[in-house]
Amino acid sequence: MTKQQNIIGPQVPKLRYQQGITQDGLAARCGVLGWDLSRATLSKIEAQLRCVTDIELDILARALKVEIAHLYPKKNRRTTVRS
């Protein structure tokens, strides 16, 4: 079994499907934002076979028009506690 390379992978296709975006479409959006991302690389990210840098995470969030926190599984999202 291959070790998971990221924890955001499964959220990306969920968000894509909700917005009706294909992998090619999301890769194109990322390209407009400055990240030359191929459909094959996006597929590896979604399958958790490729690491994602902080800059790439930011671009993915912007391309999907969500906050970065929405890319993390709910169990890993941090909540802010105010005193």
C-alpha atoms as a PDB file:
ATOM      1  CA  MET A   1       0.000   0.000   0.000  1.00  0.00           C
ATOM      2  CA  THR A   2       1.303   3.427  -0.970  1.00  0.00           C
ATOM      3  CA  LYS A   3       1.693   6.044   1.746  1.00  0.00           C
ATOM      4  CA  GLN A   4      -0.683   8.992   1.380  1.00  0.00           C
ATOM      5  CA  GLN A   5       1.130  12.118   0.238  1.00  0.00           C
ATOM      6  CA  ASN A   6      -1.550  14.652   1.215  1.00  0.00           C
ATOM      7  CA  ILE A   7      -4.812  14.885   3.163  1.00  0.00           C
ATOM      8  CA  ILE A   8      -6.658  17.275   0.857  1.00  0.00           C
ATOM      9  CA  GLY A   9      -6.898  14.967  -2.147  1.00  0.00           C
ATOM     10  CA  PRO A  10     -10.375  13.532  -1.504  1.00  0.00           C
ATOM     11  CA  GLN A  11     -11.872  16.984  -0.949  1.00  0.00           C
ATOM     12  CA  VAL A  12     -10.784  18.300  -4.348  1.00  0.00           C
ATOM     13  CA  PRO A  13     -13.047  16.074  -6.481  1.00  0.00           C
ATOM     14  CA  LYS A  14     -15.954  16.633  -4.075  1.00  0.00           C
ATOM     15  CA  LEU A  15     -15.616  20.387  -4.528  1.00  0.00           C
ATOM     16  CA  ARG A  16     -15.124  19.992  -8.288  1.00  0.00           C
ATOM     17  CA  TYR A  17     -18.272  17.889  -8.637  1.00  0.00           C
ATOM     18  CA  GLN A  18     -20.293  20.377  -6.580  1.00  0.00           C
ATOM     19  CA  GLN A  19     -19.272  23.081  -9.031  1.00  0.00           C
ATOM     20  CA  GLY A  20     -19.526  20.943 -12.166  1.00  0.00           C
ATOM     21  CA  ILE A  21     -15.832  21.332 -12.987  1.00  0.00           C
ATOM     22  CA  THR A  22     -13.764  18.655 -14.742  1.00  0.00           C
ATOM     23  CA  GLN A  23     -10.139  17.917 -13.927  1.00  0.00           C
ATOM     24  CA  ASP A  24      -9.172  19.673 -17.170  1.00  0.00           C
ATOM     25  CA  GLY A  25     -11.273  22.670 -16.155  1.00  0.00           C
ATOM     26  CA  LEU A  26      -9.689  22.923 -12.718  1.00  0.00           C
ATOM     27  CA  ALA A  27      -6.220  22.531 -14.212  1.00  0.00           C
ATOM     28  CA  ALA A  28      -7.036  25.397 -16.600  1.00  0.00           C
ATOM     29  CA  ARG A  29      -8.203  27.603 -13.707  1.00  0.00           C
ATOM     30  CA  CYS A  30      -4.954  26.857 -11.875  1.00  0.00           C
ATOM     31  CA  GLY A  31      -3.028  27.778 -15.008  1.00  0.00           C
ATOM     32  CA  VAL A  32      -4.704  31.188 -15.120  1.00  0.00           C
ATOM     33  CA  LEU A  33      -3.597  31.668 -11.500  1.00  0.00           C
ATOM     34  CA  GLY A  34       0.022  30.867 -12.368  1.00  0.00           C
ATOM     35  CA  TRP A  35       0.335  27.144 -11.689  1.00  0.00           C
ATOM     36  CA  ASP A  36       0.964  25.040 -14.793  1.00  0.00           C
ATOM     37  CA  LEU A  37      -0.947  21.991 -13.558  1.00  0.00           C
ATOM     38  CA  SER A  38      -1.701  19.045 -15.821  1.00  0.00           C
ATOM     39  CA  ARG A  39      -4.794  16.870 -15.542  1.00  0.00           C
ATOM     40  CA  ALA A  40      -2.500  13.914 -14.757  1.00  0.00           C
ATOM     41  CA  THR A  41      -0.878  15.750 -11.849  1.00  0.00           C
ATOM     42  CA  LEU A  42      -4.275  16.826 -10.532  1.00  0.00           C
ATOM     43  CA  SER A  43      -5.364  13.193 -10.691  1.00  0.00           C
ATOM     44  CA  LYS A  44      -2.357  12.217  -8.570  1.00  0.00           C
ATOM     45  CA  ILE A  45      -3.209  14.931  -6.033  1.00  0.00           C
ATOM     46  CA  GLU A  46      -6.801  13.720  -5.825  1.00  0.00           C
ATOM     47  CA  ALA A  47      -5.582  10.124  -5.361  1.00  0.00           C
ATOM     48  CA  GLN A  48      -3.195  11.338  -2.616  1.00  0.00           C
ATOM     49  CA  LEU A  49      -0.180  10.144  -4.603  1.00  0.00           C
ATOM     50  CA  ARG A  50       1.470  13.581  -4.808  1.00  0.00           C
ATOM     51  CA  CYS A  51       2.394  16.134  -2.163  1.00  0.00           C
ATOM     52  CA  VAL A  52       0.877  19.605  -2.319  1.00  0.00           C
ATOM     53  CA  THR A  53       2.900  22.666  -1.346  1.00  0.00           C
ATOM     54  CA  ASP A  54       1.409  25.560   0.566  1.00  0.00           C
ATOM     55  CA  ILE A  55       1.480  27.729  -2.560  1.00  0.00           C
ATOM     56  CA  GLU A  56      -0.266  25.005  -4.578  1.00  0.00           C
ATOM     57  CA  LEU A  57      -2.852  24.654  -1.808  1.00  0.00           C
ATOM     58  CA  ASP A  58      -3.575  28.376  -2.003  1.00  0.00           C
ATOM     59  CA  ILE A  59      -3.991  28.225  -5.783  1.00  0.00           C
ATOM     60  CA  LEU A  60      -6.279  25.181  -5.563  1.00  0.00           C
ATOM     61  CA  ALA A  61      -8.476  26.994  -3.052  1.00  0.00           C
ATOM     62  CA  ARG A  62      -8.636  30.107  -5.213  1.00  0.00           C
ATOM     63  CA  ALA A  63      -9.340  28.050  -8.348  1.00  0.00           C
ATOM     64  CA  LEU A  64     -12.178  26.264  -6.521  1.00  0.00           C
ATOM     65  CA  LYS A  65     -13.335  29.579  -4.993  1.00  0.00           C
ATOM     66  CA  VAL A  66     -13.266  28.253  -1.435  1.00  0.00           C
ATOM     67  CA  GLU A  67     -11.366  29.007   1.745  1.00  0.00           C
ATOM     68  CA  ILE A  68      -8.264  26.851   2.230  1.00  0.00           C
ATOM     69  CA  ALA A  69      -9.928  25.243   5.273  1.00  0.00           C
ATOM     70  CA  HIS A  70     -12.550  23.683   2.988  1.00  0.00           C
ATOM     71  CA  LEU A  71      -9.826  21.608   1.329  1.00  0.00           C
ATOM     72  CA  TYR A  72      -9.133  19.796   4.590  1.00  0.00           C
ATOM     73  CA  PRO A  73     -11.293  16.899   5.784  1.00  0.00           C
ATOM     74  CA  LYS A  74     -13.776  18.078   8.422  1.00  0.00           C
ATOM     75  CA  LYS A  75     -12.044  16.076  11.160  1.00  0.00           C
ATOM     76  CA  ASN A  76      -8.784  17.981  10.466  1.00  0.00           C
ATOM     77  CA  ARG A  77     -10.273  21.481  10.339  1.00  0.00           C
ATOM     78  CA  ARG A  78      -9.268  23.693  13.199  1.00  0.00           C
ATOM     79  CA  THR A  79     -11.842  25.807  14.902  1.00  0.00           C
ATOM     80  CA  THR A  80     -11.002  29.112  16.459  1.00  0.00           C
ATOM     81  CA  VAL A  81     -11.674  29.346  20.163  1.00  0.00           C
ATOM     82  CA  ARG A  82     -12.138  32.847  21.460  1.00  0.00           C
ATOM     83  CA  SER A  83     -11.905  33.719  25.123  1.00  0.00           C
END
